[in-house]
Amino acid sequence: MKTALRALTLLLAYASFSTHSVNAQARRLASPDGYSATEVAGHYDEREGYVEGKWLEIRYGRPIKRSRNLFDLPDWREALMDGAEVWRAGANVTTRLSIETPLLFAGTKVNPGEYTVFIDFRQQPWQFVLSTWTAQLRYDYENKEALWGAYEYTADKDAVRAEMQVENLDHSFDQLSWQFVDVNTEGGKLMLLWDKIQATVDFKISD
């Protein structure tokens, strides 16, 4: 009897583990959420450390290369934009940049708030776009006041457009990433990394 109960217990435990593994795999996103942040415009205090800083945060979907030579394809622009006028600069939900202090992009002042982020491939060099369009966090085809991805994007809500510096890399980033780089007291760069492409846009901290 004890042997039978032990066998039944092991069987149920294995079934539970298998079900958990399958469910965990089913829940895993093909393009996981991404997040990057930095803190600027503050100062160091001897007792409290870095104080009065303001946060810059970017949220985006992280598509994975999955062995594709993305930017070598003849129709890579059309593939990424998928029928939209611009690229959502990530996957799934529209990429969003939140800033707590005014910034300058290409000499244009952008006030604190949340902005949607796009990249326009139709012009050379690439155009970094901050827009006042809001983003849908869940797709709702009836919602015409907010965007899912870059679909239905229009340029009339652009807050700023700035040229990006695009470089080829010797190594390949498998999963798309946005990062704040070369940040100092005056400003820094916002950098997109994916496959063998690095694209950056400069920003300055404004009053």
N, C-alpha and C. Protein backbone atom coordinates (compact mmCIF):
# COMPACT_ATOMS: atom_id res chain seq x y z
N MET A 1 0.83 -1.21 0.00
CA MET A 1 0.00 0.00 0.00
C MET A 1 0.87 1.26 0.00
N LYS A 2 1.90 1.27 0.88
CA LYS A 2 2.79 2.42 0.95
C LYS A 2 3.51 2.64 -0.36
N THR A 3 3.88 1.52 -0.99
CA THR A 3 4.57 1.62 -2.29
C THR A 3 3.66 2.23 -3.33
N ALA A 4 2.41 1.81 -3.35
CA ALA A 4 1.44 2.35 -4.31
C ALA A 4 1.20 3.83 -4.09
N LEU A 5 1.08 4.22 -2.81
CA LEU A 5 0.86 5.64 -2.50
C LEU A 5 2.07 6.49 -2.89
N ARG A 6 3.26 5.92 -2.66
CA ARG A 6 4.48 6.65 -3.03
C ARG A 6 4.55 6.84 -4.54
N ALA A 7 4.18 5.80 -5.28
CA ALA A 7 4.20 5.87 -6.74
C ALA A 7 3.19 6.89 -7.25
N LEU A 8 1.99 6.89 -6.61
CA LEU A 8 0.94 7.84 -7.01
C LEU A 8 1.38 9.27 -6.72
N THR A 9 2.02 9.48 -5.57
CA THR A 9 2.51 10.82 -5.20
C THR A 9 3.54 11.32 -6.20
N LEU A 10 4.47 10.44 -6.57
CA LEU A 10 5.50 10.81 -7.55
C LEU A 10 4.89 11.12 -8.90
N LEU A 11 3.88 10.33 -9.29
CA LEU A 11 3.21 10.55 -10.57
C LEU A 11 2.51 11.91 -10.60
N LEU A 12 1.81 12.23 -9.51
CA LEU A 12 1.11 13.52 -9.44
C LEU A 12 2.09 14.68 -9.43
N ALA A 13 3.21 14.52 -8.73
CA ALA A 13 4.22 15.57 -8.69
C ALA A 13 4.81 15.80 -10.07
N TYR A 14 5.09 14.71 -10.80
CA TYR A 14 5.64 14.83 -12.15
C TYR A 14 4.64 15.51 -13.08
N ALA A 15 3.36 15.12 -12.95
CA ALA A 15 2.33 15.73 -13.79
C ALA A 15 2.21 17.22 -13.52
N SER A 16 2.26 17.58 -12.23
CA SER A 16 2.20 19.00 -11.86
C SER A 16 3.37 19.76 -12.42
N PHE A 17 4.58 19.19 -12.31
CA PHE A 17 5.79 19.83 -12.83
C PHE A 17 5.70 20.00 -14.34
N SER A 18 5.23 18.96 -15.03
CA SER A 18 5.12 19.01 -16.50
C SER A 18 4.14 20.07 -16.93
N THR A 19 2.98 20.13 -16.22
CA THR A 19 1.97 21.14 -16.54
C THR A 19 2.51 22.54 -16.31
N HIS A 20 3.25 22.72 -15.21
CA HIS A 20 3.85 24.03 -14.91
C HIS A 20 4.84 24.42 -16.00
N SER A 21 5.65 23.46 -16.45
CA SER A 21 6.64 23.75 -17.48
C SER A 21 5.98 24.14 -18.79
N VAL A 22 4.91 23.42 -19.16
CA VAL A 22 4.19 23.73 -20.40
C VAL A 22 3.56 25.11 -20.31
N ASN A 23 2.92 25.41 -19.15
CA ASN A 23 2.28 26.71 -18.98
C ASN A 23 3.29 27.84 -18.99
N ALA A 24 4.46 27.60 -18.36
CA ALA A 24 5.50 28.63 -18.35
C ALA A 24 5.99 28.90 -19.76
N GLN A 25 6.14 27.83 -20.55
CA GLN A 25 6.57 28.00 -21.94
C GLN A 25 5.52 28.74 -22.74
N ALA A 26 4.23 28.43 -22.49
CA ALA A 26 3.15 29.08 -23.22
C ALA A 26 3.08 30.56 -22.89
N ARG A 27 3.43 30.93 -21.64
CA ARG A 27 3.35 32.33 -21.23
C ARG A 27 4.56 33.15 -21.69
N ARG A 28 5.63 32.49 -22.10
CA ARG A 28 6.84 33.20 -22.49
C ARG A 28 6.59 34.00 -23.76
N LEU A 29 6.89 35.30 -23.73
CA LEU A 29 6.64 36.17 -24.87
C LEU A 29 7.72 36.03 -25.92
N ALA A 30 7.32 36.07 -27.18
CA ALA A 30 8.29 36.01 -28.27
C ALA A 30 9.17 37.25 -28.29
N SER A 31 8.60 38.38 -27.86
CA SER A 31 9.35 39.64 -27.77
C SER A 31 9.14 40.20 -26.36
N PRO A 32 9.98 39.83 -25.40
CA PRO A 32 9.79 40.25 -24.01
C PRO A 32 9.85 41.77 -23.84
N ASP A 33 9.29 42.24 -22.75
CA ASP A 33 9.34 43.67 -22.43
C ASP A 33 10.77 44.10 -22.15
N GLY A 34 11.11 45.30 -22.58
CA GLY A 34 12.43 45.86 -22.31
C GLY A 34 12.31 47.17 -21.56
N TYR A 35 13.34 47.50 -20.81
CA TYR A 35 13.33 48.72 -20.00
C TYR A 35 14.76 49.19 -19.79
N SER A 36 14.97 50.49 -19.92
CA SER A 36 16.27 51.08 -19.62
C SER A 36 16.03 52.45 -19.01
N ALA A 37 16.92 52.85 -18.10
CA ALA A 37 16.73 54.12 -17.40
C ALA A 37 18.06 54.72 -17.00
N THR A 38 18.06 56.01 -16.78
CA THR A 38 19.20 56.71 -16.21
C THR A 38 18.67 57.90 -15.42
N GLU A 39 19.52 58.45 -14.56
CA GLU A 39 19.14 59.59 -13.73
C GLU A 39 20.11 60.74 -14.00
N VAL A 40 19.56 61.90 -14.27
CA VAL A 40 20.38 63.05 -14.68
C VAL A 40 19.97 64.29 -13.88
N ALA A 41 20.75 65.37 -14.10
CA ALA A 41 20.41 66.71 -13.61
C ALA A 41 20.41 66.83 -12.09
N GLY A 42 20.99 65.86 -11.38
CA GLY A 42 21.09 65.96 -9.93
C GLY A 42 22.49 66.36 -9.52
N HIS A 43 22.78 66.20 -8.24
CA HIS A 43 24.11 66.49 -7.74
C HIS A 43 24.41 65.59 -6.54
N TYR A 44 25.67 65.48 -6.20
CA TYR A 44 26.07 64.60 -5.10
C TYR A 44 26.11 65.37 -3.78
N ASP A 45 25.53 64.74 -2.78
CA ASP A 45 25.56 65.25 -1.42
C ASP A 45 26.41 64.30 -0.57
N GLU A 46 27.25 64.85 0.30
CA GLU A 46 28.16 64.03 1.08
C GLU A 46 27.44 62.97 1.92
N ARG A 47 26.25 63.30 2.38
CA ARG A 47 25.52 62.37 3.25
C ARG A 47 24.51 61.52 2.48
N GLU A 48 23.83 62.12 1.55
CA GLU A 48 22.71 61.43 0.92
C GLU A 48 23.04 60.84 -0.46
N GLY A 49 24.22 61.11 -0.98
CA GLY A 49 24.56 60.59 -2.30
C GLY A 49 23.98 61.45 -3.41
N TYR A 50 23.54 60.83 -4.50
CA TYR A 50 23.02 61.57 -5.66
C TYR A 50 21.59 62.02 -5.36
N VAL A 51 21.36 63.31 -5.35
CA VAL A 51 20.05 63.84 -4.96
C VAL A 51 19.50 64.76 -6.05
N GLU A 52 18.17 64.93 -6.01
CA GLU A 52 17.44 65.82 -6.91
C GLU A 52 17.63 65.43 -8.38
N GLY A 53 17.92 64.16 -8.61
CA GLY A 53 18.04 63.68 -9.99
C GLY A 53 16.69 63.53 -10.65
N LYS A 54 16.70 63.55 -11.97
CA LYS A 54 15.49 63.37 -12.77
C LYS A 54 15.67 62.14 -13.64
N TRP A 55 14.62 61.35 -13.75
CA TRP A 55 14.71 60.07 -14.44
C TRP A 55 14.35 60.19 -15.92
N LEU A 56 15.11 59.45 -16.73
CA LEU A 56 14.79 59.22 -18.14
C LEU A 56 14.58 57.72 -18.28
N GLU A 57 13.44 57.31 -18.83
CA GLU A 57 13.10 55.89 -18.91
C GLU A 57 12.54 55.57 -20.29
N ILE A 58 12.95 54.43 -20.83
CA ILE A 58 12.40 53.98 -22.10
C ILE A 58 11.90 52.55 -21.96
N ARG A 59 10.70 52.31 -22.45
CA ARG A 59 10.06 50.99 -22.40
C ARG A 59 9.72 50.56 -23.82
N TYR A 60 9.94 49.29 -24.10
CA TYR A 60 9.82 48.81 -25.47
C TYR A 60 9.70 47.29 -25.50
N GLY A 61 9.29 46.74 -26.63
CA GLY A 61 9.31 45.30 -26.83
C GLY A 61 10.65 44.88 -27.43
N ARG A 62 11.15 43.70 -27.04
CA ARG A 62 12.49 43.26 -27.44
C ARG A 62 12.43 42.09 -28.41
N PRO A 63 12.23 42.35 -29.70
CA PRO A 63 12.25 41.24 -30.67
C PRO A 63 13.62 40.58 -30.70
N ILE A 64 13.63 39.28 -30.98
CA ILE A 64 14.85 38.50 -31.06
C ILE A 64 15.17 38.22 -32.52
N LYS A 65 16.42 38.28 -32.87
CA LYS A 65 16.85 38.09 -34.25
C LYS A 65 16.48 36.71 -34.79
N ARG A 66 16.67 35.68 -33.97
CA ARG A 66 16.35 34.30 -34.35
C ARG A 66 16.97 33.91 -35.70
N SER A 67 18.27 34.16 -35.81
CA SER A 67 19.10 33.74 -36.97
C SER A 67 18.81 34.49 -38.26
N ARG A 68 17.92 35.47 -38.23
CA ARG A 68 17.66 36.25 -39.45
C ARG A 68 18.75 37.29 -39.64
N ASN A 69 19.15 37.50 -40.88
CA ASN A 69 20.06 38.59 -41.21
C ASN A 69 19.21 39.80 -41.56
N LEU A 70 18.67 40.43 -40.54
CA LEU A 70 17.58 41.39 -40.70
C LEU A 70 17.86 42.50 -41.69
N PHE A 71 18.97 43.20 -41.50
CA PHE A 71 19.22 44.39 -42.29
C PHE A 71 19.92 44.09 -43.62
N ASP A 72 20.10 42.80 -43.91
CA ASP A 72 20.63 42.40 -45.21
C ASP A 72 19.52 42.08 -46.20
N LEU A 73 18.29 41.95 -45.69
CA LEU A 73 17.17 41.62 -46.57
C LEU A 73 16.82 42.81 -47.45
N PRO A 74 16.51 42.58 -48.73
CA PRO A 74 16.21 43.71 -49.62
C PRO A 74 14.99 44.51 -49.21
N ASP A 75 14.05 43.87 -48.50
CA ASP A 75 12.82 44.55 -48.10
C ASP A 75 12.74 44.74 -46.59
N TRP A 76 13.90 44.94 -45.92
CA TRP A 76 13.89 44.99 -44.46
C TRP A 76 13.07 46.16 -43.93
N ARG A 77 13.05 47.29 -44.65
CA ARG A 77 12.26 48.44 -44.18
C ARG A 77 10.78 48.09 -44.14
N GLU A 78 10.29 47.52 -45.23
CA GLU A 78 8.88 47.15 -45.30
C GLU A 78 8.54 46.08 -44.27
N ALA A 79 9.49 45.15 -44.06
CA ALA A 79 9.24 44.08 -43.10
C ALA A 79 9.11 44.62 -41.68
N LEU A 80 9.96 45.56 -41.30
CA LEU A 80 9.89 46.11 -39.95
C LEU A 80 8.68 47.02 -39.76
N MET A 81 8.36 47.83 -40.77
CA MET A 81 7.24 48.77 -40.63
C MET A 81 5.90 48.06 -40.78
N ASP A 82 5.86 46.94 -41.51
CA ASP A 82 4.67 46.11 -41.61
C ASP A 82 3.43 46.91 -42.01
N GLY A 83 3.59 47.78 -43.01
CA GLY A 83 2.46 48.55 -43.50
C GLY A 83 2.27 49.91 -42.86
N ALA A 84 3.01 50.21 -41.82
CA ALA A 84 2.91 51.52 -41.17
C ALA A 84 3.83 52.52 -41.85
N GLU A 85 3.67 53.79 -41.51
CA GLU A 85 4.49 54.85 -42.10
C GLU A 85 5.89 54.90 -41.48
N VAL A 86 5.99 54.46 -40.24
CA VAL A 86 7.26 54.49 -39.50
C VAL A 86 7.37 53.17 -38.73
N TRP A 87 8.53 52.95 -38.13
CA TRP A 87 8.74 51.74 -37.32
C TRP A 87 8.51 52.06 -35.86
N ARG A 88 7.91 51.14 -35.14
CA ARG A 88 7.61 51.33 -33.72
C ARG A 88 8.86 51.27 -32.84
N ALA A 89 10.02 50.99 -33.45
CA ALA A 89 11.31 50.99 -32.74
C ALA A 89 11.37 49.91 -31.66
N GLY A 90 10.72 48.80 -31.94
CA GLY A 90 10.68 47.68 -31.02
C GLY A 90 9.64 46.69 -31.51
N ALA A 91 8.93 46.07 -30.57
CA ALA A 91 7.89 45.10 -30.93
C ALA A 91 6.67 45.32 -30.04
N ASN A 92 5.53 44.83 -30.54
CA ASN A 92 4.28 44.87 -29.77
C ASN A 92 3.87 46.30 -29.41
N VAL A 93 3.75 46.60 -28.11
CA VAL A 93 3.32 47.93 -27.67
C VAL A 93 4.30 48.98 -28.18
N THR A 94 3.77 50.15 -28.53
CA THR A 94 4.61 51.25 -28.99
C THR A 94 5.70 51.58 -27.98
N THR A 95 6.90 51.85 -28.47
CA THR A 95 8.00 52.27 -27.61
C THR A 95 7.67 53.62 -26.99
N ARG A 96 7.96 53.76 -25.66
CA ARG A 96 7.63 55.00 -24.95
C ARG A 96 8.84 55.52 -24.20
N LEU A 97 9.06 56.82 -24.31
CA LEU A 97 10.13 57.50 -23.58
C LEU A 97 9.50 58.45 -22.57
N SER A 98 9.85 58.28 -21.29
CA SER A 98 9.36 59.17 -20.23
C SER A 98 10.53 59.99 -19.71
N ILE A 99 10.33 61.29 -19.59
CA ILE A 99 11.40 62.17 -19.12
C ILE A 99 10.85 63.09 -18.03
N GLU A 100 11.66 63.29 -16.98
CA GLU A 100 11.25 64.14 -15.86
C GLU A 100 11.90 65.51 -15.90
N THR A 101 12.72 65.75 -16.92
CA THR A 101 13.37 67.05 -17.07
C THR A 101 13.37 67.42 -18.55
N PRO A 102 13.34 68.70 -18.91
CA PRO A 102 13.35 69.06 -20.33
C PRO A 102 14.65 68.60 -21.00
N LEU A 103 14.51 68.13 -22.23
CA LEU A 103 15.65 67.71 -23.04
C LEU A 103 15.63 68.44 -24.37
N LEU A 104 16.79 68.55 -24.98
CA LEU A 104 16.91 69.10 -26.32
C LEU A 104 17.33 67.99 -27.28
N PHE A 105 16.56 67.82 -28.34
CA PHE A 105 16.92 66.93 -29.44
C PHE A 105 17.03 67.79 -30.69
N ALA A 106 18.22 67.80 -31.29
CA ALA A 106 18.45 68.59 -32.50
C ALA A 106 18.02 70.05 -32.29
N GLY A 107 18.25 70.58 -31.09
CA GLY A 107 17.92 71.97 -30.81
C GLY A 107 16.48 72.23 -30.44
N THR A 108 15.63 71.19 -30.48
CA THR A 108 14.21 71.35 -30.13
C THR A 108 13.97 70.89 -28.71
N LYS A 109 13.35 71.75 -27.93
CA LYS A 109 13.09 71.45 -26.52
C LYS A 109 11.87 70.55 -26.39
N VAL A 110 12.04 69.49 -25.58
CA VAL A 110 10.95 68.57 -25.29
C VAL A 110 10.69 68.62 -23.79
N ASN A 111 9.48 68.96 -23.40
CA ASN A 111 9.14 69.13 -22.00
C ASN A 111 8.91 67.78 -21.31
N PRO A 112 8.97 67.74 -19.97
CA PRO A 112 8.74 66.50 -19.25
C PRO A 112 7.40 65.86 -19.62
N GLY A 113 7.39 64.54 -19.66
CA GLY A 113 6.18 63.81 -20.01
C GLY A 113 6.53 62.49 -20.65
N GLU A 114 5.52 61.78 -21.13
CA GLU A 114 5.74 60.52 -21.84
C GLU A 114 5.46 60.73 -23.33
N TYR A 115 6.36 60.22 -24.15
CA TYR A 115 6.26 60.35 -25.60
C TYR A 115 6.38 58.97 -26.24
N THR A 116 5.74 58.81 -27.38
CA THR A 116 5.94 57.59 -28.15
C THR A 116 7.12 57.79 -29.09
N VAL A 117 7.83 56.69 -29.35
CA VAL A 117 9.09 56.74 -30.10
C VAL A 117 8.94 55.95 -31.39
N PHE A 118 9.39 56.56 -32.49
CA PHE A 118 9.37 55.89 -33.79
C PHE A 118 10.68 56.19 -34.52
N ILE A 119 10.94 55.39 -35.54
CA ILE A 119 12.07 55.66 -36.44
C ILE A 119 11.53 55.68 -37.86
N ASP A 120 11.89 56.72 -38.59
CA ASP A 120 11.49 56.88 -39.98
C ASP A 120 12.66 56.49 -40.88
N PHE A 121 12.49 55.38 -41.61
CA PHE A 121 13.54 54.89 -42.50
C PHE A 121 13.48 55.54 -43.89
N ARG A 122 12.41 56.25 -44.16
CA ARG A 122 12.21 56.75 -45.53
C ARG A 122 13.18 57.87 -45.87
N GLN A 123 13.76 58.49 -44.85
CA GLN A 123 14.74 59.55 -45.07
C GLN A 123 16.11 59.06 -44.62
N GLN A 124 17.13 59.58 -45.26
CA GLN A 124 18.51 59.25 -44.87
C GLN A 124 19.21 60.52 -44.41
N PRO A 125 19.87 60.51 -43.24
CA PRO A 125 19.92 59.38 -42.32
C PRO A 125 18.57 59.11 -41.64
N TRP A 126 18.51 58.02 -40.89
CA TRP A 126 17.28 57.69 -40.19
C TRP A 126 16.83 58.85 -39.32
N GLN A 127 15.51 58.99 -39.17
CA GLN A 127 14.94 60.04 -38.35
C GLN A 127 14.37 59.45 -37.06
N PHE A 128 14.88 59.95 -35.93
CA PHE A 128 14.34 59.61 -34.62
C PHE A 128 13.13 60.51 -34.38
N VAL A 129 12.00 59.92 -34.03
CA VAL A 129 10.75 60.67 -33.90
C VAL A 129 10.19 60.51 -32.49
N LEU A 130 9.94 61.64 -31.83
CA LEU A 130 9.16 61.65 -30.59
C LEU A 130 7.80 62.23 -30.91
N SER A 131 6.76 61.53 -30.49
CA SER A 131 5.40 61.93 -30.84
C SER A 131 4.55 62.06 -29.58
N THR A 132 3.53 62.91 -29.67
CA THR A 132 2.59 63.05 -28.56
C THR A 132 1.42 62.08 -28.67
N TRP A 133 1.43 61.22 -29.71
CA TRP A 133 0.46 60.13 -29.74
C TRP A 133 0.63 59.31 -28.46
N THR A 134 -0.47 58.92 -27.84
CA THR A 134 -0.40 58.00 -26.71
C THR A 134 -0.41 56.57 -27.22
N ALA A 135 0.03 55.66 -26.37
CA ALA A 135 0.16 54.25 -26.75
C ALA A 135 -0.94 53.41 -26.11
N GLN A 136 -1.48 52.49 -26.88
CA GLN A 136 -2.37 51.48 -26.32
C GLN A 136 -1.52 50.41 -25.64
N LEU A 137 -1.83 50.11 -24.41
CA LEU A 137 -1.11 49.05 -23.71
C LEU A 137 -1.72 47.69 -23.99
N ARG A 138 -2.97 47.69 -24.42
CA ARG A 138 -3.64 46.49 -24.95
C ARG A 138 -4.36 46.89 -26.23
N TYR A 139 -4.28 46.04 -27.23
CA TYR A 139 -4.84 46.42 -28.53
C TYR A 139 -6.35 46.56 -28.46
N ASP A 140 -6.82 47.71 -28.95
CA ASP A 140 -8.26 48.00 -29.02
C ASP A 140 -8.51 48.69 -30.36
N TYR A 141 -9.09 47.95 -31.31
CA TYR A 141 -9.27 48.50 -32.65
C TYR A 141 -10.25 49.66 -32.67
N GLU A 142 -11.07 49.81 -31.65
CA GLU A 142 -12.04 50.91 -31.60
C GLU A 142 -11.41 52.20 -31.06
N ASN A 143 -10.26 52.09 -30.45
CA ASN A 143 -9.60 53.27 -29.85
C ASN A 143 -8.81 54.01 -30.93
N LYS A 144 -9.32 55.14 -31.36
CA LYS A 144 -8.66 55.93 -32.40
C LYS A 144 -7.82 57.07 -31.81
N GLU A 145 -7.79 57.16 -30.49
CA GLU A 145 -7.05 58.23 -29.83
C GLU A 145 -5.65 57.80 -29.40
N ALA A 146 -5.35 56.52 -29.55
CA ALA A 146 -4.05 55.99 -29.16
C ALA A 146 -3.61 54.95 -30.17
N LEU A 147 -2.32 54.71 -30.21
CA LEU A 147 -1.75 53.81 -31.22
C LEU A 147 -1.36 52.47 -30.63
N TRP A 148 -1.50 51.44 -31.47
CA TRP A 148 -0.88 50.15 -31.19
C TRP A 148 0.28 50.00 -32.17
N GLY A 149 1.49 49.88 -31.65
CA GLY A 149 2.65 49.87 -32.54
C GLY A 149 2.75 51.22 -33.24
N ALA A 150 2.91 51.18 -34.56
CA ALA A 150 2.96 52.42 -35.34
C ALA A 150 1.77 52.54 -36.29
N TYR A 151 0.82 51.62 -36.17
CA TYR A 151 -0.34 51.65 -37.06
C TYR A 151 -1.18 52.90 -36.79
N GLU A 152 -1.62 53.54 -37.86
CA GLU A 152 -2.41 54.77 -37.81
C GLU A 152 -1.60 55.98 -37.37
N TYR A 153 -0.28 55.83 -37.24
CA TYR A 153 0.58 56.98 -36.91
C TYR A 153 0.41 58.09 -37.96
N THR A 154 0.38 59.34 -37.49
CA THR A 154 0.43 60.51 -38.38
C THR A 154 1.44 61.49 -37.82
N ALA A 155 2.10 62.22 -38.72
CA ALA A 155 3.20 63.10 -38.32
C ALA A 155 2.74 64.39 -37.67
N ASP A 156 1.44 64.68 -37.68
CA ASP A 156 0.97 65.95 -37.13
C ASP A 156 1.18 66.06 -35.62
N LYS A 157 1.43 64.93 -34.95
CA LYS A 157 1.65 64.95 -33.51
C LYS A 157 3.13 64.79 -33.15
N ASP A 158 4.00 64.92 -34.14
CA ASP A 158 5.43 64.84 -33.86
C ASP A 158 5.85 65.98 -32.93
N ALA A 159 6.58 65.66 -31.88
CA ALA A 159 7.16 66.68 -31.00
C ALA A 159 8.54 67.09 -31.48
N VAL A 160 9.27 66.15 -32.05
CA VAL A 160 10.61 66.44 -32.56
C VAL A 160 11.03 65.33 -33.52
N ARG A 161 11.86 65.72 -34.48
CA ARG A 161 12.54 64.77 -35.36
C ARG A 161 14.02 65.11 -35.33
N ALA A 162 14.86 64.09 -35.20
CA ALA A 162 16.29 64.32 -35.13
C ALA A 162 17.02 63.22 -35.90
N GLU A 163 18.11 63.58 -36.54
CA GLU A 163 18.89 62.60 -37.29
C GLU A 163 19.56 61.62 -36.34
N MET A 164 19.64 60.36 -36.80
CA MET A 164 20.34 59.33 -36.04
C MET A 164 21.67 59.00 -36.72
N GLN A 165 22.66 58.68 -35.92
CA GLN A 165 23.93 58.22 -36.46
C GLN A 165 23.90 56.69 -36.48
N VAL A 166 23.96 56.14 -37.69
CA VAL A 166 23.84 54.69 -37.85
C VAL A 166 25.20 54.10 -38.20
N GLU A 167 25.59 53.06 -37.46
CA GLU A 167 26.88 52.41 -37.67
C GLU A 167 26.69 50.90 -37.76
N ASN A 168 27.58 50.25 -38.50
CA ASN A 168 27.60 48.79 -38.56
C ASN A 168 28.54 48.25 -37.50
N LEU A 169 28.16 47.15 -36.89
CA LEU A 169 28.94 46.54 -35.83
C LEU A 169 29.60 45.25 -36.31
N ASP A 170 30.66 44.88 -35.65
CA ASP A 170 31.34 43.61 -35.96
C ASP A 170 30.65 42.43 -35.31
N HIS A 171 29.89 42.69 -34.24
CA HIS A 171 29.18 41.63 -33.55
C HIS A 171 27.68 41.86 -33.70
N SER A 172 26.90 40.84 -33.40
CA SER A 172 25.46 40.91 -33.60
C SER A 172 24.72 40.84 -32.27
N PHE A 173 23.83 41.81 -32.03
CA PHE A 173 22.97 41.78 -30.85
C PHE A 173 21.72 40.97 -31.19
N ASP A 174 21.53 39.86 -30.49
CA ASP A 174 20.44 38.96 -30.84
C ASP A 174 19.08 39.55 -30.47
N GLN A 175 19.02 40.30 -29.38
CA GLN A 175 17.76 40.86 -28.91
C GLN A 175 17.86 42.39 -28.89
N LEU A 176 16.88 43.04 -29.51
CA LEU A 176 16.88 44.49 -29.59
C LEU A 176 17.01 45.12 -28.20
N SER A 177 17.79 46.20 -28.14
CA SER A 177 17.98 46.89 -26.87
C SER A 177 18.09 48.39 -27.09
N TRP A 178 17.45 49.16 -26.22
CA TRP A 178 17.63 50.60 -26.14
C TRP A 178 18.46 50.89 -24.89
N GLN A 179 19.48 51.74 -25.02
CA GLN A 179 20.34 52.06 -23.89
C GLN A 179 20.68 53.55 -23.87
N PHE A 180 20.87 54.08 -22.66
CA PHE A 180 21.41 55.43 -22.48
C PHE A 180 22.93 55.29 -22.38
N VAL A 181 23.67 56.01 -23.23
CA VAL A 181 25.12 55.89 -23.24
C VAL A 181 25.77 57.28 -23.21
N ASP A 182 27.04 57.30 -22.80
CA ASP A 182 27.83 58.54 -22.75
C ASP A 182 27.09 59.66 -22.02
N VAL A 183 26.41 59.31 -20.93
CA VAL A 183 25.64 60.29 -20.18
C VAL A 183 26.57 61.08 -19.26
N ASN A 184 26.44 62.40 -19.28
CA ASN A 184 27.22 63.27 -18.40
C ASN A 184 26.33 64.40 -17.91
N THR A 185 26.92 65.43 -17.33
CA THR A 185 26.13 66.52 -16.75
C THR A 185 25.43 67.36 -17.81
N GLU A 186 25.85 67.25 -19.05
CA GLU A 186 25.27 68.07 -20.12
C GLU A 186 24.25 67.32 -20.97
N GLY A 187 24.34 66.00 -21.03
CA GLY A 187 23.43 65.24 -21.87
C GLY A 187 23.94 63.83 -22.10
N GLY A 188 23.69 63.29 -23.27
CA GLY A 188 24.13 61.94 -23.59
C GLY A 188 23.56 61.48 -24.91
N LYS A 189 23.46 60.17 -25.07
CA LYS A 189 22.94 59.58 -26.30
C LYS A 189 21.93 58.50 -25.93
N LEU A 190 20.94 58.36 -26.78
CA LEU A 190 20.01 57.24 -26.68
C LEU A 190 20.35 56.31 -27.84
N MET A 191 20.65 55.05 -27.52
CA MET A 191 21.20 54.14 -28.53
C MET A 191 20.30 52.92 -28.72
N LEU A 192 20.05 52.59 -29.98
CA LEU A 192 19.35 51.37 -30.37
C LEU A 192 20.39 50.37 -30.86
N LEU A 193 20.32 49.15 -30.36
CA LEU A 193 21.22 48.07 -30.78
C LEU A 193 20.38 46.88 -31.22
N TRP A 194 20.62 46.41 -32.44
CA TRP A 194 19.95 45.18 -32.89
C TRP A 194 20.69 44.65 -34.10
N ASP A 195 20.87 43.33 -34.11
CA ASP A 195 21.65 42.69 -35.16
C ASP A 195 23.01 43.39 -35.23
N LYS A 196 23.45 43.79 -36.40
CA LYS A 196 24.76 44.44 -36.51
C LYS A 196 24.62 45.95 -36.73
N ILE A 197 23.51 46.51 -36.22
CA ILE A 197 23.23 47.94 -36.37
C ILE A 197 23.25 48.64 -35.01
N GLN A 198 23.90 49.78 -34.98
CA GLN A 198 23.87 50.67 -33.82
C GLN A 198 23.41 52.03 -34.32
N ALA A 199 22.31 52.54 -33.74
CA ALA A 199 21.77 53.84 -34.15
C ALA A 199 21.60 54.71 -32.92
N THR A 200 22.16 55.91 -32.95
CA THR A 200 22.13 56.78 -31.78
C THR A 200 21.56 58.15 -32.12
N VAL A 201 20.97 58.77 -31.11
CA VAL A 201 20.51 60.15 -31.23
C VAL A 201 21.01 60.90 -30.00
N ASP A 202 21.53 62.11 -30.20
CA ASP A 202 22.05 62.92 -29.10
C ASP A 202 20.93 63.68 -28.40
N PHE A 203 21.11 63.86 -27.10
CA PHE A 203 20.20 64.74 -26.36
C PHE A 203 21.01 65.58 -25.38
N LYS A 204 20.50 66.76 -25.08
CA LYS A 204 21.10 67.65 -24.10
C LYS A 204 20.09 67.94 -23.01
N ILE A 205 20.57 68.14 -21.80
CA ILE A 205 19.70 68.51 -20.68
C ILE A 205 19.44 70.00 -20.76
N SER A 206 18.17 70.36 -20.73
CA SER A 206 17.77 71.76 -20.88
C SER A 206 17.29 72.31 -19.55
N ASP A 207 17.21 73.63 -19.48
CA ASP A 207 16.69 74.29 -18.28
C ASP A 207 15.18 74.21 -18.24
